[in-house]
Amino acid sequence: MTLLETAHTVLDRAFEVQLGGRPMPTAARYEIEDPTIGRRLTDAPDCSAEEVDRVVRAAGQAQRAWARLPARTRAGKVREFAELLRAHTNELATIDALDAGFPLPVMQADVGAAATLLDIMADHALSLGGSTFPLSGNLHYSVQEPYGVVGRIVPFNHPLFFAAGKVAAPLVAGNAVVLKAPDQTPLSSLRMAELAAEVFGPNLCAVVSGRGAVSGAALVAHPLIRRIGFIGAEPTGRLIQRQAAEHGVKHVSLELGGKNALIVMPDADLAKAADAAVFGMNFTATAGQSCGSTSRLLLHESIADEVLAAVVDQVRAIRVGHPLAEGTQMGPVIDRKQYEKSIGAIEAAVAAGAPVLVGGGRPDTAGDEGWYVAPTVLGPMTPDNPTAVEEVFGPVLSVITFRDEEEAVALANRSAYGLTAGVFTSNVTRAHRMAAQLQAGYVWVNGSSRHYWGLPFGGMKASGVGREESVDELLSYTETKAVTIVLE
C-alpha cells in the first residue's frame, strides 16, 4: 500500500458533529474538495441554524459546572487535552494535509504549535485572579468572570492549529466554546471535538461545520453567545460586526487580512534578509495563504539587485507537489476561487508593468489537475500596482524599491492593513525608530513570520481588533465584576 493509500484510511470514516457524546444527525451534508485534484475528497455536516442552536444550548448547560472549577483545575484539563492532541499528531496532520493540501511536516508542526498554545494559556490561569483596591475603609475587589458560551470562527489555512489553539483561552477562562470549522477544511476540527469530549466531557468544546452564510451566521446571531472571536478576511470580519450588532451587544475580536511589508535597508545582512523574505512569504507552509505573510518586499535601490537574485534562486528551488509526497515543500492553494484570484493577481500585475522574475502561473510539474500555482516573485513594481496594494492570499511576492528610510516607512504604511511588518538593519537606533513608526501590530527586526507564543499578536487598522496568543487573549474572554463589601 502506498503512503497516499495508507493516508486515505484516516478518511475512511464519517465526520460528524458531536452532541451529548454522540454523532448528531444533520439534515444536510456538503462536499469537501481535494485541492490536489479539484474533486471530491469526502463530505461533512452542513449545519442549519436550528442544529447550531442545539449545540450552543448544550454547551451552555455544560459550561455551568466547568465555570465553578478552580482556574488551575481547568488549566490541568487543558494540558491533558494538549497531550491527547500530541498523541494524535500523525492522524490530525494527515487529515489536514489531505483536506487543505499543505505539506505533511508543516501540518505535524501545526499540531505541536496548537498544543503549545494550550499549555501557554494553562500557564496563565492564575492571571484570572482579579485585584483589590484600597479606596476606603471598605473592601473593594474585582473578579474575572467568563462570558458563558463563546463562538470562535477560524480559517482554512491552519485548520487544526486554529481550531485547537483558539479554544484554549476561552476554556481556561471558564467558558464553553462552540467553534465554527472552516468551510473548506472542517475535518480535523470535527475530529478534534471527539478528542475534546474524552477530556472535558460532552458539549463543552463543540464544533459545528457547514457553509458560513448559514452555520456561521447562526453562531454570530445566537442569543447565548456574547463573545465572538473571528480570524479571516476583512469583509467577513466587518459582516460579523454588523450581524453581531443586529442581534445584541457582543464583544467581537477580529484578526483579519494583511498586505505586510518587509523592509531591507542597505546596512542589513543581505543574505539573512533574502532568507527572511522567502520564509516570511510562507510559500512552504501554506502556499502563501497566510494573513501574516510579508507579501511586499521593500528593497533599498542600492541593494535591490543583490537581494532579489538570492530570493529568486531560493523561490525557483521550491519543490511543488502533492502534500504527502516525499520532498514536497509546497502544495496547491485551497480551491478554484483562490487559484483564480492568485493567477488573476499575477496577470493584473504584469498588465500594470511588473516583470515576472520567477513563477507566474502553473508549475510545470503540476499537470492539469488541482489548484497549483507556482511560487511567484514580481517586480520591481510601482507602489500603486494592484498586486502591491491588494491582499492576494496566495504564493505571490511583490517587490518595490525605495530611496531612503522615510520613503520606506511611508510605503509600508500606505496599506489599509496593519497586521505585521519587518525591518532588516544593523543599526539599533534605526531599528527602534522604524519599528515605532510602522503601523502594524506585530513587528520583526531582522526576522520574519515566526510567532513567539506568549507575545500579543493582532492587527491595527483594517487588520483587526484585539490581541491573541498571550495573556491578553485569556483576559479578553472574561468580564470584570467589581465588588464592594461595606464595612463602615
Protein backbone atom coordinates (compact mmCIF):
# COMPACT_ATOMS: atom_id res chain seq x y z
CA MET A 1 0.00 0.00 0.00
CA THR A 2 1.37 3.44 -0.94
CA LEU A 3 1.74 6.32 1.51
CA LEU A 4 -1.21 8.05 -0.14
CA GLU A 5 -3.39 4.94 0.10
CA THR A 6 -2.41 4.48 3.74
CA ALA A 7 -3.09 8.14 4.49
CA HIS A 8 -6.55 7.97 2.97
CA THR A 9 -7.52 5.38 5.58
CA VAL A 10 -7.85 8.27 8.06
CA LEU A 11 -10.74 9.49 5.91
CA ASP A 12 -12.38 6.07 5.72
CA ARG A 13 -14.99 7.14 8.25
CA ALA A 14 -17.86 9.58 8.64
CA PHE A 15 -17.08 13.02 10.04
CA GLU A 16 -19.92 14.19 12.27
CA VAL A 17 -20.91 16.97 14.64
CA GLN A 18 -20.95 15.70 18.23
CA LEU A 19 -23.82 16.33 20.65
CA GLY A 20 -24.06 14.68 24.04
CA GLY A 21 -21.05 12.49 23.24
CA ARG A 22 -22.66 11.00 20.13
CA PRO A 23 -22.89 11.95 16.44
CA MET A 24 -25.72 14.40 15.83
CA PRO A 25 -27.72 13.66 12.68
CA THR A 26 -27.88 16.69 10.38
CA ALA A 27 -30.41 17.29 7.65
CA ALA A 28 -27.77 18.08 5.03
CA ARG A 29 -24.14 17.42 4.14
CA TYR A 30 -21.82 19.13 1.69
CA GLU A 31 -18.86 18.08 -0.40
CA ILE A 32 -15.28 18.63 0.75
CA GLU A 33 -12.82 19.02 -2.11
CA ASP A 34 -9.34 17.58 -2.52
CA PRO A 35 -7.31 20.60 -3.73
CA THR A 36 -4.68 18.37 -5.33
CA ILE A 37 -7.19 17.18 -7.94
CA GLY A 38 -10.08 19.65 -7.66
CA ARG A 39 -12.60 16.88 -6.99
CA ARG A 40 -14.47 15.32 -4.06
CA LEU A 41 -12.50 14.13 -1.04
CA THR A 42 -15.38 13.37 1.34
CA ASP A 43 -18.35 15.18 2.86
CA ALA A 44 -19.20 16.92 6.13
CA PRO A 45 -22.31 18.07 8.03
CA ASP A 46 -23.88 21.25 6.65
CA CYS A 47 -25.47 22.52 9.87
CA SER A 48 -28.66 24.52 9.81
CA ALA A 49 -29.43 27.37 12.20
CA GLU A 50 -31.64 25.02 14.24
CA GLU A 51 -28.81 22.47 14.53
CA VAL A 52 -26.35 25.17 15.60
CA ASP A 53 -28.87 26.24 18.24
CA ARG A 54 -28.97 22.72 19.67
CA VAL A 55 -25.20 22.61 20.01
CA VAL A 56 -24.96 26.08 21.58
CA ARG A 57 -27.66 25.34 24.14
CA ALA A 58 -25.99 22.07 25.09
CA ALA A 59 -22.70 23.94 25.51
CA GLY A 60 -24.46 26.42 27.79
CA GLN A 61 -25.57 23.56 30.03
CA ALA A 62 -22.05 22.10 30.19
CA GLN A 63 -20.45 25.47 30.95
CA ARG A 64 -22.08 25.94 34.35
CA ALA A 65 -20.18 23.17 36.10
CA TRP A 66 -16.97 23.99 34.21
CA ALA A 67 -17.03 27.64 35.37
CA ARG A 68 -17.30 26.55 39.01
CA LEU A 69 -14.00 24.66 38.84
CA PRO A 70 -10.87 26.47 40.12
CA ALA A 71 -8.83 28.02 37.31
CA ARG A 72 -5.90 25.68 37.97
CA THR A 73 -8.20 22.67 37.68
CA ARG A 74 -9.45 23.91 34.33
CA ALA A 75 -5.85 24.51 33.28
CA GLY A 76 -4.97 20.93 34.18
CA LYS A 77 -7.70 19.60 31.90
CA VAL A 78 -6.50 21.88 29.10
CA ARG A 79 -2.99 20.47 29.49
CA GLU A 80 -4.45 16.97 29.31
CA PHE A 81 -6.14 17.93 26.05
CA ALA A 82 -2.82 19.21 24.70
CA GLU A 83 -1.18 15.87 25.42
CA LEU A 84 -4.02 13.99 23.73
CA LEU A 85 -3.56 16.10 20.60
CA ARG A 86 0.17 15.37 20.62
CA ALA A 87 -0.60 11.65 20.80
CA HIS A 88 -2.76 12.02 17.67
CA THR A 89 -0.30 14.20 15.73
CA ASN A 90 0.07 11.97 12.68
CA GLU A 91 -3.66 11.36 12.33
CA LEU A 92 -4.62 15.03 12.64
CA ALA A 93 -1.77 16.22 10.41
CA THR A 94 -2.65 13.70 7.71
CA ILE A 95 -6.27 14.84 7.74
CA ASP A 96 -5.14 18.44 7.22
CA ALA A 97 -2.60 17.55 4.54
CA LEU A 98 -5.33 15.82 2.53
CA ASP A 99 -8.06 18.34 3.30
CA ALA A 100 -6.05 21.56 2.84
CA GLY A 101 -3.21 20.49 0.55
CA PHE A 102 -0.39 21.61 2.84
CA PRO A 103 2.80 19.52 3.24
CA LEU A 104 2.53 16.85 5.93
CA PRO A 105 5.56 18.05 8.00
CA VAL A 106 4.03 21.53 8.21
CA MET A 107 0.74 20.13 9.47
CA GLN A 108 2.58 17.98 12.02
CA ALA A 109 4.28 21.13 13.31
CA ASP A 110 0.87 22.83 13.48
CA VAL A 111 -0.42 20.18 15.89
CA GLY A 112 2.58 20.80 18.14
CA ALA A 113 2.04 24.57 17.97
CA ALA A 114 -1.62 24.18 18.94
CA ALA A 115 -0.66 22.02 21.91
CA THR A 116 1.90 24.63 22.95
CA LEU A 117 -0.74 27.37 22.87
CA LEU A 118 -3.00 25.23 25.06
CA ASP A 119 -0.13 24.84 27.53
CA ILE A 120 0.63 28.58 27.50
CA MET A 121 -2.97 29.50 28.25
CA ALA A 122 -2.91 26.97 31.08
CA ASP A 123 0.25 28.70 32.37
CA HIS A 124 -1.68 31.98 32.53
CA ALA A 125 -4.59 30.56 34.56
CA LEU A 126 -3.64 32.42 37.75
CA SER A 127 -3.84 35.73 35.85
CA LEU A 128 -7.61 35.39 36.30
CA GLY A 129 -7.33 36.35 39.95
CA GLY A 130 -8.66 39.93 39.88
CA SER A 131 -7.45 42.79 42.11
CA THR A 132 -8.11 44.59 45.39
CA PHE A 133 -8.42 48.39 45.60
CA PRO A 134 -7.52 50.44 48.75
CA LEU A 135 -10.16 53.11 48.07
CA SER A 136 -11.75 53.43 51.52
CA GLY A 137 -12.20 51.59 54.80
CA ASN A 138 -14.46 49.15 52.94
CA LEU A 139 -13.32 46.11 50.97
CA HIS A 140 -13.17 46.67 47.22
CA TYR A 141 -12.15 43.94 44.81
CA SER A 142 -12.65 42.75 41.25
CA VAL A 143 -13.10 39.29 39.78
CA GLN A 144 -12.86 37.96 36.22
CA GLU A 145 -15.92 36.00 35.15
CA PRO A 146 -16.47 34.00 31.95
CA TYR A 147 -18.99 35.09 29.33
CA GLY A 148 -20.68 31.68 29.18
CA VAL A 149 -20.62 30.26 25.66
CA VAL A 150 -18.03 31.68 23.27
CA GLY A 151 -18.24 31.46 19.48
CA ARG A 152 -14.99 31.03 17.57
CA ILE A 153 -14.79 31.12 13.78
CA VAL A 154 -11.49 30.05 12.21
CA PRO A 155 -10.00 29.96 8.68
CA PHE A 156 -8.80 27.16 6.42
CA ASN A 157 -5.09 27.93 6.30
CA HIS A 158 -4.08 26.25 9.59
CA PRO A 159 -7.10 24.02 10.26
CA LEU A 160 -6.11 22.10 13.39
CA PHE A 161 -3.79 24.78 14.73
CA PHE A 162 -6.51 27.41 14.76
CA ALA A 163 -9.23 25.02 15.91
CA ALA A 164 -7.31 23.71 18.92
CA GLY A 165 -5.18 26.76 19.68
CA LYS A 166 -8.13 29.13 19.68
CA VAL A 167 -10.30 27.19 22.14
CA ALA A 168 -7.52 27.42 24.74
CA ALA A 169 -8.16 30.90 26.17
CA PRO A 170 -11.96 30.60 26.35
CA LEU A 171 -11.74 27.24 28.11
CA VAL A 172 -9.15 28.30 30.69
CA ALA A 173 -11.26 31.40 31.37
CA GLY A 174 -14.23 29.18 32.26
CA ASN A 175 -16.30 29.37 29.08
CA ALA A 176 -17.73 26.70 26.87
CA VAL A 177 -16.74 27.02 23.21
CA VAL A 178 -18.66 26.37 20.02
CA LEU A 179 -16.21 26.54 17.14
CA LYS A 180 -17.34 27.03 13.56
CA ALA A 181 -14.99 24.89 11.46
CA PRO A 182 -13.62 26.33 8.20
CA ASP A 183 -15.94 25.80 5.24
CA GLN A 184 -13.17 24.27 3.11
CA THR A 185 -11.28 22.30 5.79
CA PRO A 186 -13.63 21.15 8.57
CA LEU A 187 -12.41 17.59 9.02
CA SER A 188 -9.66 17.96 11.64
CA SER A 189 -11.88 20.28 13.69
CA LEU A 190 -14.65 17.66 13.76
CA ARG A 191 -12.14 15.01 14.81
CA MET A 192 -10.75 17.39 17.45
CA ALA A 193 -14.21 17.71 19.02
CA GLU A 194 -14.31 13.93 19.51
CA LEU A 195 -10.95 14.06 21.30
CA ALA A 196 -12.04 17.06 23.36
CA ALA A 197 -15.06 15.15 24.65
CA GLU A 198 -12.70 12.47 26.02
CA VAL A 199 -11.07 15.11 28.23
CA PHE A 200 -13.80 17.66 29.00
CA GLY A 201 -16.90 15.54 28.66
CA PRO A 202 -19.59 16.18 26.05
CA ASN A 203 -20.62 19.58 24.71
CA LEU A 204 -18.10 21.85 26.49
CA CYS A 205 -15.76 22.14 23.48
CA ALA A 206 -18.04 21.67 20.49
CA VAL A 207 -17.59 22.05 16.74
CA VAL A 208 -20.16 22.80 14.06
CA SER A 209 -19.48 22.68 10.34
CA GLY A 210 -21.25 23.99 7.27
CA ARG A 211 -21.48 26.99 5.00
CA GLY A 212 -20.52 30.16 6.80
CA ALA A 213 -23.52 32.07 5.47
CA VAL A 214 -25.80 29.73 7.44
CA SER A 215 -23.99 28.00 10.30
CA GLY A 216 -21.52 30.82 10.90
CA ALA A 217 -24.24 33.45 10.80
CA ALA A 218 -26.35 31.39 13.21
CA LEU A 219 -23.47 31.25 15.67
CA VAL A 220 -22.89 35.01 15.49
CA ALA A 221 -26.59 35.76 15.97
CA HIS A 222 -27.25 33.29 18.79
CA PRO A 223 -28.55 34.99 21.95
CA LEU A 224 -26.40 32.87 24.28
CA ILE A 225 -23.20 33.96 22.54
CA ARG A 226 -21.98 37.35 23.70
CA ARG A 227 -18.28 36.85 22.88
CA ILE A 228 -17.07 36.07 19.36
CA GLY A 229 -13.55 35.60 18.05
CA PHE A 230 -13.01 35.56 14.29
CA ILE A 231 -9.95 35.00 12.08
CA GLY A 232 -10.35 35.56 8.36
CA ALA A 233 -10.90 38.08 5.61
CA GLU A 234 -11.62 41.74 6.33
CA PRO A 235 -15.01 41.86 4.51
CA THR A 236 -16.21 38.86 6.51
CA GLY A 237 -14.99 40.43 9.73
CA ARG A 238 -16.97 43.59 9.06
CA LEU A 239 -20.02 41.47 8.19
CA ILE A 240 -19.69 39.67 11.54
CA GLN A 241 -19.50 43.01 13.35
CA ARG A 242 -22.73 44.12 11.67
CA GLN A 243 -24.55 40.83 12.26
CA ALA A 244 -23.46 40.71 15.89
CA ALA A 245 -24.68 44.28 16.50
CA GLU A 246 -28.06 43.45 14.97
CA HIS A 247 -28.60 40.64 17.50
CA GLY A 248 -27.22 42.07 20.73
CA VAL A 249 -24.35 43.82 22.44
CA LYS A 250 -21.46 41.46 21.81
CA HIS A 251 -17.70 41.60 22.26
CA VAL A 252 -16.16 40.79 18.85
CA SER A 253 -12.42 40.41 18.29
CA LEU A 254 -11.06 40.16 14.76
CA GLU A 255 -7.77 39.01 13.25
CA LEU A 256 -8.11 39.96 9.60
CA GLY A 257 -6.02 40.32 6.46
CA GLY A 258 -2.67 41.87 5.76
CA LYS A 259 -0.51 43.28 2.98
CA ASN A 260 2.58 43.19 5.10
CA ALA A 261 5.88 44.90 4.29
CA LEU A 262 9.38 43.56 4.86
CA ILE A 263 11.87 46.45 4.55
CA VAL A 264 15.54 45.80 3.78
CA MET A 265 17.90 48.71 4.48
CA PRO A 266 21.34 48.93 2.80
CA ASP A 267 23.20 48.17 6.06
CA ALA A 268 21.37 44.86 6.59
CA ASP A 269 22.79 41.34 6.45
CA LEU A 270 21.59 40.80 2.89
CA ALA A 271 21.83 37.01 2.88
CA LYS A 272 19.70 36.76 6.01
CA ALA A 273 17.27 39.31 4.60
CA ALA A 274 16.81 37.22 1.45
CA ASP A 275 16.19 34.11 3.56
CA ALA A 276 13.64 36.01 5.64
CA ALA A 277 11.86 37.33 2.56
CA VAL A 278 11.25 33.79 1.31
CA PHE A 279 10.44 32.41 4.76
CA GLY A 280 8.14 35.33 5.52
CA MET A 281 6.00 34.63 2.45
CA ASN A 282 5.03 31.20 3.86
CA PHE A 283 5.49 29.59 0.45
CA THR A 284 6.47 26.29 2.06
CA ALA A 285 3.95 26.47 4.89
CA THR A 286 0.62 27.42 3.35
CA ALA A 287 1.38 28.25 -0.31
CA GLY A 288 1.40 31.91 0.72
CA GLN A 289 -2.11 31.69 2.15
CA SER A 290 -1.42 33.50 5.41
CA CYS A 291 -2.64 36.87 6.65
CA GLY A 292 0.76 37.44 8.26
CA SER A 293 2.83 36.80 5.12
CA THR A 294 5.29 39.58 4.29
CA SER A 295 3.96 39.80 0.74
CA ARG A 296 5.50 43.21 -0.01
CA LEU A 297 9.31 43.18 -0.16
CA LEU A 298 10.63 46.75 0.06
CA LEU A 299 14.29 46.97 -1.01
CA HIS A 300 16.63 49.94 -0.90
CA GLU A 301 17.56 50.65 -4.50
CA SER A 302 21.29 50.22 -3.79
CA ILE A 303 20.96 46.57 -2.74
CA ALA A 304 17.82 45.51 -4.63
CA ASP A 305 19.57 43.52 -7.35
CA GLU A 306 21.69 41.51 -4.90
CA VAL A 307 18.78 40.62 -2.61
CA LEU A 308 16.45 39.83 -5.49
CA ALA A 309 18.95 37.45 -7.09
CA ALA A 310 19.14 35.44 -3.87
CA VAL A 311 15.35 35.49 -3.37
CA VAL A 312 14.68 34.31 -6.92
CA ASP A 313 17.19 31.47 -6.61
CA GLN A 314 15.51 30.23 -3.43
CA VAL A 315 11.98 30.54 -4.79
CA ARG A 316 12.90 28.76 -8.02
CA ALA A 317 14.20 25.82 -5.95
CA ILE A 318 10.92 25.28 -4.03
CA ARG A 319 9.55 21.83 -4.85
CA VAL A 320 5.83 21.94 -5.60
CA GLY A 321 3.88 18.70 -5.42
CA HIS A 322 1.41 16.51 -3.59
CA PRO A 323 1.38 17.29 0.15
CA LEU A 324 2.10 13.65 1.05
CA ALA A 325 4.88 13.11 -1.49
CA GLU A 326 8.39 12.90 -0.08
CA GLY A 327 10.31 16.10 -0.64
CA THR A 328 7.29 18.29 -1.34
CA GLN A 329 7.79 21.79 0.02
CA MET A 330 4.63 23.45 -1.28
CA GLY A 331 1.21 22.14 -2.21
CA PRO A 332 -1.74 23.66 -4.05
CA VAL A 333 -3.86 26.61 -2.97
CA ILE A 334 -7.14 25.68 -1.35
CA ASP A 335 -9.69 25.85 -4.18
CA ARG A 336 -10.58 27.21 -7.61
CA LYS A 337 -11.53 30.62 -6.17
CA GLN A 338 -8.11 31.08 -4.58
CA TYR A 339 -6.38 29.69 -7.67
CA GLU A 340 -8.15 32.15 -9.97
CA LYS A 341 -7.50 35.01 -7.55
CA SER A 342 -3.77 34.24 -7.50
CA ILE A 343 -3.48 33.84 -11.28
CA GLY A 344 -5.60 36.96 -11.78
CA ALA A 345 -3.36 38.98 -9.45
CA ILE A 346 -0.28 37.92 -11.40
CA GLU A 347 -1.92 38.88 -14.69
CA ALA A 348 -3.02 42.25 -13.29
CA ALA A 349 0.48 42.97 -12.01
CA VAL A 350 2.04 42.15 -15.37
CA ALA A 351 -0.56 44.27 -17.20
CA ALA A 352 0.43 47.18 -14.93
CA GLY A 353 4.09 46.79 -15.86
CA ALA A 354 5.57 44.41 -13.29
CA PRO A 355 8.06 41.84 -14.62
CA VAL A 356 7.80 38.18 -13.58
CA LEU A 357 11.11 37.17 -12.01
CA VAL A 358 10.13 33.58 -11.27
CA GLY A 359 6.90 31.58 -11.41
CA GLY A 360 3.94 33.37 -12.87
CA GLY A 361 1.44 30.57 -13.48
CA ARG A 362 1.01 26.83 -13.01
CA PRO A 363 4.22 24.97 -12.19
CA ASP A 364 5.49 22.66 -14.94
CA THR A 365 5.37 19.66 -12.59
CA ALA A 366 1.71 20.07 -11.62
CA GLY A 367 -0.10 18.64 -14.63
CA ASP A 368 -3.65 19.68 -15.38
CA GLU A 369 -5.37 18.70 -12.12
CA GLY A 370 -5.59 20.58 -8.86
CA TRP A 371 -5.12 24.17 -7.82
CA TYR A 372 -1.34 24.52 -8.11
CA VAL A 373 0.22 27.96 -8.50
CA ALA A 374 3.98 28.31 -8.92
CA PRO A 375 5.68 30.37 -6.19
CA THR A 376 5.98 33.75 -7.85
CA VAL A 377 8.10 36.89 -7.47
CA LEU A 378 7.01 40.04 -9.30
CA GLY A 379 8.78 43.37 -9.70
CA PRO A 380 10.21 45.75 -9.01
CA MET A 381 6.83 47.39 -9.46
CA THR A 382 5.25 50.74 -8.77
CA PRO A 383 3.63 51.19 -5.34
CA ASP A 384 0.20 51.54 -6.92
CA ASN A 385 0.40 48.28 -8.89
CA PRO A 386 -2.73 46.28 -7.97
CA THR A 387 -0.65 43.41 -6.60
CA ALA A 388 1.30 45.81 -4.40
CA VAL A 389 -1.93 47.07 -2.85
CA GLU A 390 -4.41 44.19 -2.64
CA GLU A 391 -4.05 41.09 -0.49
CA VAL A 392 -3.62 38.09 -2.80
CA PHE A 393 -3.60 35.33 -0.17
CA GLY A 394 -1.54 33.15 -2.46
CA PRO A 395 2.11 32.47 -3.36
CA VAL A 396 2.80 35.88 -4.89
CA LEU A 397 5.55 38.20 -3.61
CA SER A 398 5.55 41.84 -4.78
CA VAL A 399 8.83 43.78 -4.86
CA ILE A 400 9.13 47.57 -4.57
CA THR A 401 12.28 49.69 -4.32
CA PHE A 402 12.79 52.87 -2.26
CA ARG A 403 15.39 55.62 -1.90
CA ASP A 404 15.54 56.33 1.84
CA GLU A 405 14.16 55.42 5.25
CA GLU A 406 11.38 57.98 5.16
CA GLU A 407 10.08 56.64 1.85
CA ALA A 408 10.31 53.04 3.09
CA VAL A 409 8.14 53.75 6.13
CA ALA A 410 5.65 55.71 4.03
CA LEU A 411 5.36 52.83 1.55
CA ALA A 412 4.88 50.30 4.34
CA ASN A 413 2.17 52.40 5.99
CA ARG A 414 0.22 53.28 2.86
CA SER A 415 -1.63 49.94 3.05
CA ALA A 416 -5.08 49.90 4.65
CA TYR A 417 -3.89 46.87 6.59
CA GLY A 418 -1.58 46.77 9.60
CA LEU A 419 -1.03 43.20 10.78
CA THR A 420 2.72 42.52 10.56
CA ALA A 421 5.85 44.25 9.30
CA GLY A 422 9.58 43.63 9.28
CA VAL A 423 12.80 45.68 9.11
CA PHE A 424 16.27 44.44 8.31
CA THR A 425 19.04 46.75 9.51
CA SER A 426 22.25 46.53 11.56
CA ASN A 427 21.65 49.95 13.12
CA VAL A 428 19.97 49.58 16.52
CA THR A 429 18.80 53.18 16.64
CA ARG A 430 17.24 52.88 13.19
CA ALA A 431 15.61 49.60 14.16
CA HIS A 432 13.81 51.15 17.12
CA ARG A 433 12.95 54.30 15.20
CA MET A 434 11.40 52.42 12.27
CA ALA A 435 9.59 49.88 14.47
CA ALA A 436 7.97 52.80 16.31
CA GLN A 437 6.76 54.34 13.05
CA LEU A 438 5.37 51.22 11.40
CA GLN A 439 1.58 50.95 11.67
CA ALA A 440 1.44 47.23 12.38
CA GLY A 441 0.57 45.18 15.43
CA TYR A 442 3.47 42.70 15.17
CA VAL A 443 6.92 43.87 14.04
CA TRP A 444 10.08 41.87 13.46
CA VAL A 445 13.55 43.38 13.34
CA ASN A 446 15.94 41.14 11.42
CA GLY A 447 13.34 38.39 11.22
CA SER A 448 10.00 37.45 9.69
CA SER A 449 6.92 35.26 10.03
CA ARG A 450 7.85 33.41 13.23
CA HIS A 451 5.40 33.73 16.11
CA TYR A 452 6.68 33.78 19.68
CA TRP A 453 3.95 32.20 21.80
CA GLY A 454 3.05 34.49 24.67
CA LEU A 455 3.72 37.71 22.72
CA PRO A 456 0.47 39.54 21.85
CA PHE A 457 -0.47 39.03 18.20
CA GLY A 458 -3.03 41.14 16.34
CA GLY A 459 -3.52 43.91 13.85
CA MET A 460 -4.04 47.63 13.51
CA LYS A 461 -6.25 49.49 11.01
CA ALA A 462 -8.16 47.09 8.74
CA SER A 463 -6.26 44.10 10.11
CA GLY A 464 -8.50 43.81 13.13
CA VAL A 465 -9.07 44.46 16.80
CA GLY A 466 -7.86 42.54 19.83
CA ARG A 467 -4.73 40.54 20.67
CA GLU A 468 -4.20 36.78 20.82
CA GLU A 469 -1.52 34.19 21.69
CA SER A 470 -0.95 35.85 25.08
CA VAL A 471 -2.46 36.66 28.46
CA ASP A 472 -4.31 39.48 26.66
CA GLU A 473 -6.31 36.83 24.81
CA LEU A 474 -7.13 34.95 28.01
CA LEU A 475 -8.42 38.06 29.80
CA SER A 476 -10.46 39.07 26.75
CA TYR A 477 -12.64 36.02 27.32
CA THR A 478 -13.70 37.31 30.74
CA GLU A 479 -15.77 40.19 32.06
CA THR A 480 -14.67 42.24 35.07
CA LYS A 481 -17.02 42.44 38.02
CA ALA A 482 -16.30 44.96 40.79
CA VAL A 483 -17.50 44.20 44.35
CA THR A 484 -17.64 46.39 47.44
CA ILE A 485 -18.15 44.92 50.90
CA VAL A 486 -19.35 47.77 53.11
CA LEU A 487 -17.53 47.61 56.44
CA GLU A 488 -18.16 51.12 57.76
